[in-house]
PDB file of N, CA and C in Angstrom:
ATOM      1  N   MET A   1      27.683 -64.082  33.621  1.00  0.00           N
ATOM      2  CA  MET A   1      27.643 -63.202  34.784  1.00  0.00           C
ATOM      3  C   MET A   1      27.705 -61.754  34.286  1.00  0.00           C
ATOM      4  N   THR A   2      26.813 -60.943  34.811  1.00  0.00           N
ATOM      5  CA  THR A   2      26.800 -59.545  34.391  1.00  0.00           C
ATOM      6  C   THR A   2      27.879 -58.761  35.116  1.00  0.00           C
ATOM      7  N   ASP A   3      28.126 -57.560  34.637  1.00  0.00           N
ATOM      8  CA  ASP A   3      29.138 -56.695  35.245  1.00  0.00           C
ATOM      9  C   ASP A   3      28.760 -56.322  36.671  1.00  0.00           C
ATOM     10  N   LEU A   4      27.462 -56.171  36.921  1.00  0.00           N
ATOM     11  CA  LEU A   4      27.015 -55.805  38.265  1.00  0.00           C
ATOM     12  C   LEU A   4      27.389 -56.885  39.276  1.00  0.00           C
ATOM     13  N   TRP A   5      27.176 -58.144  38.923  1.00  0.00           N
ATOM     14  CA  TRP A   5      27.524 -59.225  39.844  1.00  0.00           C
ATOM     15  C   TRP A   5      29.029 -59.318  40.051  1.00  0.00           C
ATOM     16  N   LEU A   6      29.790 -59.003  39.032  1.00  0.00           N
ATOM     17  CA  LEU A   6      31.241 -58.996  39.178  1.00  0.00           C
ATOM     18  C   LEU A   6      31.673 -57.928  40.171  1.00  0.00           C
ATOM     19  N   VAL A   7      31.055 -56.755  40.088  1.00  0.00           N
ATOM     20  CA  VAL A   7      31.358 -55.672  41.032  1.00  0.00           C
ATOM     21  C   VAL A   7      30.969 -56.085  42.447  1.00  0.00           C
ATOM     22  N   VAL A   8      29.818 -56.721  42.606  1.00  0.00           N
ATOM     23  CA  VAL A   8      29.378 -57.178  43.927  1.00  0.00           C
ATOM     24  C   VAL A   8      30.353 -58.197  44.497  1.00  0.00           C
ATOM     25  N   LEU A   9      30.798 -59.138  43.701  1.00  0.00           N
ATOM     26  CA  LEU A   9      31.739 -60.154  44.174  1.00  0.00           C
ATOM     27  C   LEU A   9      33.094 -59.546  44.539  1.00  0.00           C
ATOM     28  N   VAL A  10      33.582 -58.615  43.737  1.00  0.00           N
ATOM     29  CA  VAL A  10      34.870 -57.970  44.030  1.00  0.00           C
ATOM     30  C   VAL A  10      34.759 -57.146  45.317  1.00  0.00           C
ATOM     31  N   ALA A  11      33.660 -56.401  45.470  1.00  0.00           N
ATOM     32  CA  ALA A  11      33.470 -55.607  46.685  1.00  0.00           C
ATOM     33  C   ALA A  11      33.350 -56.510  47.910  1.00  0.00           C
ATOM     34  N   SER A  12      32.672 -57.630  47.773  1.00  0.00           N
ATOM     35  CA  SER A  12      32.553 -58.572  48.895  1.00  0.00           C
ATOM     36  C   SER A  12      33.909 -59.144  49.277  1.00  0.00           C
ATOM     37  N   ALA A  13      34.706 -59.494  48.291  1.00  0.00           N
ATOM     38  CA  ALA A  13      36.043 -60.017  48.569  1.00  0.00           C
ATOM     39  C   ALA A  13      36.911 -58.951  49.238  1.00  0.00           C
ATOM     40  N   ALA A  14      36.782 -57.703  48.805  1.00  0.00           N
ATOM     41  CA  ALA A  14      37.556 -56.625  49.418  1.00  0.00           C
ATOM     42  C   ALA A  14      37.144 -56.416  50.871  1.00  0.00           C
ATOM     43  N   CYS A  15      35.853 -56.472  51.145  1.00  0.00           N
ATOM     44  CA  CYS A  15      35.377 -56.327  52.533  1.00  0.00           C
ATOM     45  C   CYS A  15      35.883 -57.470  53.406  1.00  0.00           C
ATOM     46  N   LEU A  16      35.848 -58.684  52.889  1.00  0.00           N
ATOM     47  CA  LEU A  16      36.357 -59.825  53.641  1.00  0.00           C
ATOM     48  C   LEU A  16      37.852 -59.657  53.898  1.00  0.00           C
ATOM     49  N   GLY A  17      38.586 -59.198  52.905  1.00  0.00           N
ATOM     50  CA  GLY A  17      40.023 -58.972  53.085  1.00  0.00           C
ATOM     51  C   GLY A  17      40.312 -57.930  54.150  1.00  0.00           C
ATOM     52  N   LEU A  18      39.550 -56.838  54.150  1.00  0.00           N
ATOM     53  CA  LEU A  18      39.734 -55.817  55.177  1.00  0.00           C
ATOM     54  C   LEU A  18      39.416 -56.354  56.563  1.00  0.00           C
ATOM     55  N   LYS A  19      38.374 -57.160  56.649  1.00  0.00           N
ATOM     56  CA  LYS A  19      37.995 -57.734  57.943  1.00  0.00           C
ATOM     57  C   LYS A  19      39.097 -58.675  58.452  1.00  0.00           C
ATOM     58  N   LEU A  20      39.626 -59.487  57.582  1.00  0.00           N
ATOM     59  CA  LEU A  20      40.708 -60.391  57.979  1.00  0.00           C
ATOM     60  C   LEU A  20      41.969 -59.611  58.354  1.00  0.00           C
ATOM     61  N   ALA A  21      42.271 -58.569  57.605  1.00  0.00           N
ATOM     62  CA  ALA A  21      43.449 -57.750  57.919  1.00  0.00           C
ATOM     63  C   ALA A  21      43.289 -57.100  59.288  1.00  0.00           C
ATOM     64  N   GLY A  22      42.082 -56.663  59.618  1.00  0.00           N
ATOM     65  CA  GLY A  22      41.837 -56.078  60.931  1.00  0.00           C
ATOM     66  C   GLY A  22      41.995 -57.080  62.056  1.00  0.00           C
ATOM     67  N   ALA A  23      41.649 -58.323  61.802  1.00  0.00           N
ATOM     68  CA  ALA A  23      41.799 -59.358  62.821  1.00  0.00           C
ATOM     69  C   ALA A  23      43.258 -59.712  63.061  1.00  0.00           C
ATOM     70  N   TRP A  24      44.103 -59.475  62.068  1.00  0.00           N
ATOM     71  CA  TRP A  24      45.514 -59.842  62.188  1.00  0.00           C
ATOM     72  C   TRP A  24      46.396 -58.684  62.665  1.00  0.00           C
ATOM     73  N   VAL A  25      45.798 -57.536  62.948  1.00  0.00           N
ATOM     74  CA  VAL A  25      46.581 -56.398  63.446  1.00  0.00           C
ATOM     75  C   VAL A  25      47.085 -56.727  64.844  1.00  0.00           C
ATOM     76  N   PRO A  26      48.360 -56.521  65.119  1.00  0.00           N
ATOM     77  CA  PRO A  26      48.887 -56.816  66.453  1.00  0.00           C
ATOM     78  C   PRO A  26      48.178 -55.995  67.540  1.00  0.00           C
ATOM     79  N   ARG A  27      47.938 -56.613  68.682  1.00  0.00           N
ATOM     80  CA  ARG A  27      47.222 -55.974  69.787  1.00  0.00           C
ATOM     81  C   ARG A  27      47.951 -54.721  70.285  1.00  0.00           C
ATOM     82  N   ALA A  28      49.257 -54.715  70.220  1.00  0.00           N
ATOM     83  CA  ALA A  28      50.033 -53.566  70.699  1.00  0.00           C
ATOM     84  C   ALA A  28      49.729 -52.307  69.883  1.00  0.00           C
ATOM     85  N   TRP A  29      49.416 -52.467  68.608  1.00  0.00           N
ATOM     86  CA  TRP A  29      49.090 -51.314  67.780  1.00  0.00           C
ATOM     87  C   TRP A  29      47.770 -50.686  68.202  1.00  0.00           C
ATOM     88  N   LEU A  30      46.835 -51.508  68.652  1.00  0.00           N
ATOM     89  CA  LEU A  30      45.503 -51.014  69.010  1.00  0.00           C
ATOM     90  C   LEU A  30      45.426 -50.464  70.423  1.00  0.00           C
ATOM     91  N   ASP A  31      46.414 -50.745  71.264  1.00  0.00           N
ATOM     92  CA  ASP A  31      46.394 -50.292  72.652  1.00  0.00           C
ATOM     93  C   ASP A  31      46.831 -48.839  72.809  1.00  0.00           C
ATOM     94  N   SER A  32      47.310 -48.235  71.757  1.00  0.00           N
ATOM     95  CA  SER A  32      47.760 -46.852  71.816  1.00  0.00           C
ATOM     96  C   SER A  32      46.574 -45.910  72.027  1.00  0.00           C
ATOM     97  N   GLN A  33      46.761 -44.917  72.886  1.00  0.00           N
ATOM     98  CA  GLN A  33      45.703 -43.929  73.141  1.00  0.00           C
ATOM     99  C   GLN A  33      45.383 -43.135  71.879  1.00  0.00           C
ATOM    100  N   ARG A  34      46.386 -42.831  71.090  1.00  0.00           N
ATOM    101  CA  ARG A  34      46.184 -42.074  69.849  1.00  0.00           C
ATOM    102  C   ARG A  34      45.298 -42.853  68.879  1.00  0.00           C
ATOM    103  N   VAL A  35      45.504 -44.153  68.776  1.00  0.00           N
ATOM    104  CA  VAL A  35      44.691 -44.981  67.883  1.00  0.00           C
ATOM    105  C   VAL A  35      43.256 -45.046  68.389  1.00  0.00           C
ATOM    106  N   ARG A  36      43.064 -45.208  69.686  1.00  0.00           N
ATOM    107  CA  ARG A  36      41.707 -45.258  70.245  1.00  0.00           C
ATOM    108  C   ARG A  36      40.940 -43.976  69.985  1.00  0.00           C
ATOM    109  N   VAL A  37      41.579 -42.839  70.194  1.00  0.00           N
ATOM    110  CA  VAL A  37      40.920 -41.552  69.962  1.00  0.00           C
ATOM    111  C   VAL A  37      40.597 -41.401  68.476  1.00  0.00           C
ATOM    112  N   GLY A  38      41.534 -41.759  67.627  1.00  0.00           N
ATOM    113  CA  GLY A  38      41.301 -41.660  66.183  1.00  0.00           C
ATOM    114  C   GLY A  38      40.149 -42.517  65.713  1.00  0.00           C
ATOM    115  N   LEU A  39      40.074 -43.742  66.219  1.00  0.00           N
ATOM    116  CA  LEU A  39      38.986 -44.634  65.822  1.00  0.00           C
ATOM    117  C   LEU A  39      37.636 -44.143  66.331  1.00  0.00           C
ATOM    118  N   SER A  40      37.594 -43.601  67.549  1.00  0.00           N
ATOM    119  CA  SER A  40      36.317 -43.100  68.057  1.00  0.00           C
ATOM    120  C   SER A  40      35.870 -41.869  67.277  1.00  0.00           C
ATOM    121  N   LEU A  41      36.806 -41.008  66.883  1.00  0.00           N
ATOM    122  CA  LEU A  41      36.444 -39.835  66.086  1.00  0.00           C
ATOM    123  C   LEU A  41      36.012 -40.230  64.679  1.00  0.00           C
ATOM    124  N   MET A  42      36.608 -41.276  64.150  1.00  0.00           N
ATOM    125  CA  MET A  42      36.226 -41.746  62.831  1.00  0.00           C
ATOM    126  C   MET A  42      34.776 -42.238  62.833  1.00  0.00           C
ATOM    127  N   THR A  43      34.381 -42.918  63.878  1.00  0.00           N
ATOM    128  CA  THR A  43      33.011 -43.400  63.991  1.00  0.00           C
ATOM    129  C   THR A  43      32.032 -42.239  64.037  1.00  0.00           C
ATOM    130  N   VAL A  44      32.335 -41.230  64.820  1.00  0.00           N
ATOM    131  CA  VAL A  44      31.468 -40.054  64.918  1.00  0.00           C
ATOM    132  C   VAL A  44      31.387 -39.339  63.574  1.00  0.00           C
ATOM    133  N   GLY A  45      32.509 -39.198  62.904  1.00  0.00           N
ATOM    134  CA  GLY A  45      32.526 -38.528  61.608  1.00  0.00           C
ATOM    135  C   GLY A  45      31.719 -39.268  60.549  1.00  0.00           C
ATOM    136  N   LEU A  46      31.846 -40.583  60.519  1.00  0.00           N
ATOM    137  CA  LEU A  46      31.083 -41.371  59.551  1.00  0.00           C
ATOM    138  C   LEU A  46      29.586 -41.292  59.829  1.00  0.00           C
ATOM    139  N   LEU A  47      29.197 -41.368  61.091  1.00  0.00           N
ATOM    140  CA  LEU A  47      27.784 -41.271  61.443  1.00  0.00           C
ATOM    141  C   LEU A  47      27.233 -39.885  61.117  1.00  0.00           C
ATOM    142  N   ALA A  48      27.995 -38.848  61.401  1.00  0.00           N
ATOM    143  CA  ALA A  48      27.556 -37.485  61.074  1.00  0.00           C
ATOM    144  C   ALA A  48      27.404 -37.307  59.571  1.00  0.00           C
ATOM    145  N   GLY A  49      28.327 -37.835  58.811  1.00  0.00           N
ATOM    146  CA  GLY A  49      28.224 -37.756  57.353  1.00  0.00           C
ATOM    147  C   GLY A  49      26.995 -38.476  56.826  1.00  0.00           C
ATOM    148  N   LEU A  50      26.683 -39.625  57.403  1.00  0.00           N
ATOM    149  CA  LEU A  50      25.487 -40.363  56.998  1.00  0.00           C
ATOM    150  C   LEU A  50      24.222 -39.576  57.316  1.00  0.00           C
ATOM    151  N   VAL A  51      24.161 -38.979  58.493  1.00  0.00           N
ATOM    152  CA  VAL A  51      22.987 -38.196  58.880  1.00  0.00           C
ATOM    153  C   VAL A  51      22.802 -37.005  57.945  1.00  0.00           C
ATOM    154  N   VAL A  52      23.872 -36.285  57.663  1.00  0.00           N
ATOM    155  CA  VAL A  52      23.769 -35.114  56.784  1.00  0.00           C
ATOM    156  C   VAL A  52      23.379 -35.526  55.374  1.00  0.00           C
ATOM    157  N   THR A  53      23.965 -36.599  54.875  1.00  0.00           N
ATOM    158  CA  THR A  53      23.634 -37.059  53.529  1.00  0.00           C
ATOM    159  C   THR A  53      22.168 -37.455  53.431  1.00  0.00           C
ATOM    160  N   GLN A  54      21.675 -38.192  54.407  1.00  0.00           N
ATOM    161  CA  GLN A  54      20.279 -38.618  54.384  1.00  0.00           C
ATOM    162  C   GLN A  54      19.322 -37.452  54.597  1.00  0.00           C
ATOM    163  N   THR A  55      19.760 -36.426  55.300  1.00  0.00           N
ATOM    164  CA  THR A  55      18.896 -35.282  55.572  1.00  0.00           C
ATOM    165  C   THR A  55      18.807 -34.344  54.379  1.00  0.00           C
ATOM    166  N   LEU A  56      19.906 -34.097  53.714  1.00  0.00           N
ATOM    167  CA  LEU A  56      19.942 -33.072  52.678  1.00  0.00           C
ATOM    168  C   LEU A  56      19.780 -33.590  51.253  1.00  0.00           C
ATOM    169  N   SER A  57      19.818 -34.894  51.035  1.00  0.00           N
ATOM    170  CA  SER A  57      19.718 -35.404  49.666  1.00  0.00           C
ATOM    171  C   SER A  57      18.267 -35.688  49.301  1.00  0.00           C
ATOM    172  N   GLN A  58      17.936 -35.307  48.069  1.00  0.00           N
ATOM    173  CA  GLN A  58      16.583 -35.547  47.575  1.00  0.00           C
ATOM    174  C   GLN A  58      16.642 -35.682  46.065  1.00  0.00           C
ATOM    175  N   ASP A  59      16.329 -36.839  45.550  1.00  0.00           N
ATOM    176  CA  ASP A  59      16.298 -37.092  44.109  1.00  0.00           C
ATOM    177  C   ASP A  59      17.603 -36.708  43.419  1.00  0.00           C
ATOM    178  N   GLY A  60      18.715 -37.036  44.033  1.00  0.00           N
ATOM    179  CA  GLY A  60      20.015 -36.785  43.431  1.00  0.00           C
ATOM    180  C   GLY A  60      20.506 -35.352  43.566  1.00  0.00           C
ATOM    181  N   GLY A  61      19.806 -34.532  44.302  1.00  0.00           N
ATOM    182  CA  GLY A  61      20.216 -33.147  44.478  1.00  0.00           C
ATOM    183  C   GLY A  61      20.063 -32.718  45.921  1.00  0.00           C
ATOM    184  N   LEU A  62      20.132 -31.424  46.130  1.00  0.00           N
ATOM    185  CA  LEU A  62      20.016 -30.862  47.466  1.00  0.00           C
ATOM    186  C   LEU A  62      18.549 -30.607  47.769  1.00  0.00           C
ATOM    187  N   GLY A  63      18.087 -31.116  48.895  1.00  0.00           N
ATOM    188  CA  GLY A  63      16.693 -30.926  49.274  1.00  0.00           C
ATOM    189  C   GLY A  63      16.585 -30.271  50.636  1.00  0.00           C
ATOM    190  N   LEU A  64      16.026 -29.094  50.668  1.00  0.00           N
ATOM    191  CA  LEU A  64      15.827 -28.387  51.938  1.00  0.00           C
ATOM    192  C   LEU A  64      14.350 -28.495  52.286  1.00  0.00           C
ATOM    193  N   ASP A  65      14.039 -29.374  53.206  1.00  0.00           N
ATOM    194  CA  ASP A  65      12.653 -29.583  53.576  1.00  0.00           C
ATOM    195  C   ASP A  65      12.529 -29.761  55.083  1.00  0.00           C
ATOM    196  N   ALA A  66      11.481 -30.406  55.526  1.00  0.00           N
ATOM    197  CA  ALA A  66      11.198 -30.553  56.956  1.00  0.00           C
ATOM    198  C   ALA A  66      12.286 -31.341  57.678  1.00  0.00           C
ATOM    199  N   ARG A  67      12.993 -32.202  56.977  1.00  0.00           N
ATOM    200  CA  ARG A  67      14.045 -32.989  57.628  1.00  0.00           C
ATOM    201  C   ARG A  67      15.152 -32.109  58.186  1.00  0.00           C
ATOM    202  N   LEU A  68      15.478 -31.033  57.463  1.00  0.00           N
ATOM    203  CA  LEU A  68      16.539 -30.133  57.913  1.00  0.00           C
ATOM    204  C   LEU A  68      16.125 -29.414  59.198  1.00  0.00           C
ATOM    205  N   ALA A  69      14.893 -28.949  59.254  1.00  0.00           N
ATOM    206  CA  ALA A  69      14.406 -28.286  60.464  1.00  0.00           C
ATOM    207  C   ALA A  69      14.353 -29.266  61.632  1.00  0.00           C
ATOM    208  N   ALA A  70      13.936 -30.488  61.384  1.00  0.00           N
ATOM    209  CA  ALA A  70      13.889 -31.504  62.442  1.00  0.00           C
ATOM    210  C   ALA A  70      15.295 -31.822  62.940  1.00  0.00           C
ATOM    211  N   LEU A  71      16.264 -31.892  62.031  1.00  0.00           N
ATOM    212  CA  LEU A  71      17.646 -32.142  62.435  1.00  0.00           C
ATOM    213  C   LEU A  71      18.187 -30.979  63.262  1.00  0.00           C
ATOM    214  N   ALA A  72      17.854 -29.754  62.867  1.00  0.00           N
ATOM    215  CA  ALA A  72      18.304 -28.588  63.628  1.00  0.00           C
ATOM    216  C   ALA A  72      17.718 -28.605  65.041  1.00  0.00           C
ATOM    217  N   LEU A  73      16.436 -28.947  65.160  1.00  0.00           N
ATOM    218  CA  LEU A  73      15.814 -29.036  66.480  1.00  0.00           C
ATOM    219  C   LEU A  73      16.471 -30.138  67.313  1.00  0.00           C
ATOM    220  N   ALA A  74      16.722 -31.287  66.699  1.00  0.00           N
ATOM    221  CA  ALA A  74      17.364 -32.391  67.417  1.00  0.00           C
ATOM    222  C   ALA A  74      18.768 -32.004  67.873  1.00  0.00           C
ATOM    223  N   ALA A  75      19.513 -31.302  67.016  1.00  0.00           N
ATOM    224  CA  ALA A  75      20.859 -30.869  67.394  1.00  0.00           C
ATOM    225  C   ALA A  75      20.800 -29.886  68.557  1.00  0.00           C
ATOM    226  N   LEU A  76      19.837 -28.977  68.523  1.00  0.00           N
ATOM    227  CA  LEU A  76      19.678 -28.025  69.618  1.00  0.00           C
ATOM    228  C   LEU A  76      19.349 -28.745  70.926  1.00  0.00           C
ATOM    229  N   LEU A  77      18.452 -29.710  70.861  1.00  0.00           N
ATOM    230  CA  LEU A  77      18.083 -30.453  72.070  1.00  0.00           C
ATOM    231  C   LEU A  77      19.250 -31.289  72.598  1.00  0.00           C
ATOM    232  N   LEU A  78      20.032 -31.879  71.702  1.00  0.00           N
ATOM    233  CA  LEU A  78      21.209 -32.625  72.143  1.00  0.00           C
ATOM    234  C   LEU A  78      22.230 -31.699  72.779  1.00  0.00           C
ATOM    235  N   TRP A  79      22.398 -30.516  72.205  1.00  0.00           N
ATOM    236  CA  TRP A  79      23.325 -29.540  72.768  1.00  0.00           C
ATOM    237  C   TRP A  79      22.877 -29.115  74.160  1.00  0.00           C
ATOM    238  N   ARG A  80      21.564 -29.032  74.379  1.00  0.00           N
ATOM    239  CA  ARG A  80      21.017 -28.660  75.684  1.00  0.00           C
ATOM    240  C   ARG A  80      20.915 -29.867  76.626  1.00  0.00           C
ATOM    241  N   ARG A  81      21.449 -31.014  76.191  1.00  0.00           N
ATOM    242  CA  ARG A  81      21.521 -32.246  76.981  1.00  0.00           C
ATOM    243  C   ARG A  81      20.149 -32.820  77.331  1.00  0.00           C
ATOM    244  N   ALA A  82      19.234 -32.768  76.372  1.00  0.00           N
ATOM    245  CA  ALA A  82      17.924 -33.383  76.564  1.00  0.00           C
ATOM    246  C   ALA A  82      18.072 -34.901  76.464  1.00  0.00           C
ATOM    247  N   PRO A  83      17.193 -35.655  77.110  1.00  0.00           N
ATOM    248  CA  PRO A  83      17.241 -37.118  76.980  1.00  0.00           C
ATOM    249  C   PRO A  83      17.027 -37.542  75.521  1.00  0.00           C
ATOM    250  N   PHE A  84      17.642 -38.640  75.159  1.00  0.00           N
ATOM    251  CA  PHE A  84      17.624 -39.073  73.762  1.00  0.00           C
ATOM    252  C   PHE A  84      16.210 -39.319  73.264  1.00  0.00           C
ATOM    253  N   LEU A  85      15.360 -39.901  74.080  1.00  0.00           N
ATOM    254  CA  LEU A  85      13.980 -40.165  73.672  1.00  0.00           C
ATOM    255  C   LEU A  85      13.249 -38.850  73.364  1.00  0.00           C
ATOM    256  N   VAL A  86      13.502 -37.827  74.153  1.00  0.00           N
ATOM    257  CA  VAL A  86      12.898 -36.516  73.907  1.00  0.00           C
ATOM    258  C   VAL A  86      13.400 -35.957  72.575  1.00  0.00           C
ATOM    259  N   VAL A  87      14.672 -36.127  72.292  1.00  0.00           N
ATOM    260  CA  VAL A  87      15.249 -35.639  71.034  1.00  0.00           C
ATOM    261  C   VAL A  87      14.581 -36.320  69.841  1.00  0.00           C
ATOM    262  N   VAL A  88      14.436 -37.627  69.906  1.00  0.00           N
ATOM    263  CA  VAL A  88      13.845 -38.383  68.795  1.00  0.00           C
ATOM    264  C   VAL A  88      12.388 -37.991  68.583  1.00  0.00           C
ATOM    265  N   VAL A  89      11.622 -37.951  69.670  1.00  0.00           N
ATOM    266  CA  VAL A  89      10.197 -37.621  69.557  1.00  0.00           C
ATOM    267  C   VAL A  89      10.010 -36.180  69.075  1.00  0.00           C
ATOM    268  N   ALA A  90      10.793 -35.250  69.583  1.00  0.00           N
ATOM    269  CA  ALA A  90      10.680 -33.850  69.154  1.00  0.00           C
ATOM    270  C   ALA A  90      11.065 -33.691  67.689  1.00  0.00           C
ATOM    271  N   GLY A  91      12.113 -34.354  67.263  1.00  0.00           N
ATOM    272  CA  GLY A  91      12.521 -34.278  65.861  1.00  0.00           C
ATOM    273  C   GLY A  91      11.474 -34.857  64.929  1.00  0.00           C
ATOM    274  N   ALA A  92      10.934 -36.016  65.295  1.00  0.00           N
ATOM    275  CA  ALA A  92       9.885 -36.632  64.474  1.00  0.00           C
ATOM    276  C   ALA A  92       8.630 -35.763  64.468  1.00  0.00           C
ATOM    277  N   GLY A  93       8.287 -35.219  65.617  1.00  0.00           N
ATOM    278  CA  GLY A  93       7.114 -34.357  65.688  1.00  0.00           C
ATOM    279  C   GLY A  93       7.280 -33.079  64.873  1.00  0.00           C
ATOM    280  N   ALA A  94       8.470 -32.497  64.907  1.00  0.00           N
ATOM    281  CA  ALA A  94       8.734 -31.295  64.113  1.00  0.00           C
ATOM    282  C   ALA A  94       8.631 -31.584  62.622  1.00  0.00           C
ATOM    283  N   ALA A  95       9.208 -32.689  62.195  1.00  0.00           N
ATOM    284  CA  ALA A  95       9.142 -33.050  60.772  1.00  0.00           C
ATOM    285  C   ALA A  95       7.692 -33.321  60.359  1.00  0.00           C
ATOM    286  N   ALA A  96       6.959 -34.050  61.187  1.00  0.00           N
ATOM    287  CA  ALA A  96       5.558 -34.346  60.873  1.00  0.00           C
ATOM    288  C   ALA A  96       4.716 -33.073  60.843  1.00  0.00           C
ATOM    289  N   GLY A  97       4.941 -32.196  61.811  1.00  0.00           N
ATOM    290  CA  GLY A  97       4.172 -30.952  61.849  1.00  0.00           C
ATOM    291  C   GLY A  97       4.450 -30.054  60.648  1.00  0.00           C
ATOM    292  N   LEU A  98       5.722 -29.945  60.281  1.00  0.00           N
ATOM    293  CA  LEU A  98       6.069 -29.112  59.131  1.00  0.00           C
ATOM    294  C   LEU A  98       5.542 -29.714  57.829  1.00  0.00           C
ATOM    295  N   ARG A  99       5.556 -31.016  57.728  1.00  0.00           N
ATOM    296  CA  ARG A  99       5.004 -31.653  56.528  1.00  0.00           C
ATOM    297  C   ARG A  99       3.487 -31.486  56.465  1.00  0.00           C
ATOM    298  N   ALA A 100       2.830 -31.537  57.629  1.00  0.00           N
ATOM    299  CA  ALA A 100       1.382 -31.312  57.664  1.00  0.00           C
ATOM    300  C   ALA A 100       1.033 -29.894  57.242  1.00  0.00           C
ATOM    301  N   LEU A 101       1.936 -28.958  57.516  1.00  0.00           N
ATOM    302  CA  LEU A 101       1.732 -27.574  57.108  1.00  0.00           C
ATOM    303  C   LEU A 101       2.093 -27.319  55.644  1.00  0.00           C
ATOM    304  N   GLY A 102       2.628 -28.373  54.988  1.00  0.00           N
ATOM    305  CA  GLY A 102       2.918 -28.262  53.563  1.00  0.00           C
ATOM    306  C   GLY A 102       4.364 -27.971  53.220  1.00  0.00           C
ATOM    307  N   TRP A 103       5.239 -27.992  54.203  1.00  0.00           N
ATOM    308  CA  TRP A 103       6.651 -27.736  53.908  1.00  0.00           C
ATOM    309  C   TRP A 103       7.415 -29.045  53.842  1.00  0.00           C
ATOM    310  N   GLY A 104       7.714 -29.493  52.662  1.00  0.00           N
ATOM    311  CA  GLY A 104       8.484 -30.701  52.497  1.00  0.00           C
ATOM    312  C   GLY A 104       7.642 -31.887  52.363  1.00  0.00           C
TER     313      GLY A 104
END
């Protein structure tokens, strides 16, 4: 067995352990308003981090291209409370248009 497979097996066991530990948490601990707010903010933070990482990373470094402009447009439209479908189509269209113009 290679070292890579050992890492995969250990990570899988750790994920299973975390999942089981979460199932055994007493219900009273999860009913707290503070815990609910914290968990919802954690989800938003993780999703935002994923979006930023995927937008700004390019070949192991920082990449400023059409994706950043499309994300900025999408953020502006979300801030202005545009429908989600409009946000997605406008962001994709902005990225496609900027790439067609040679940027990114």
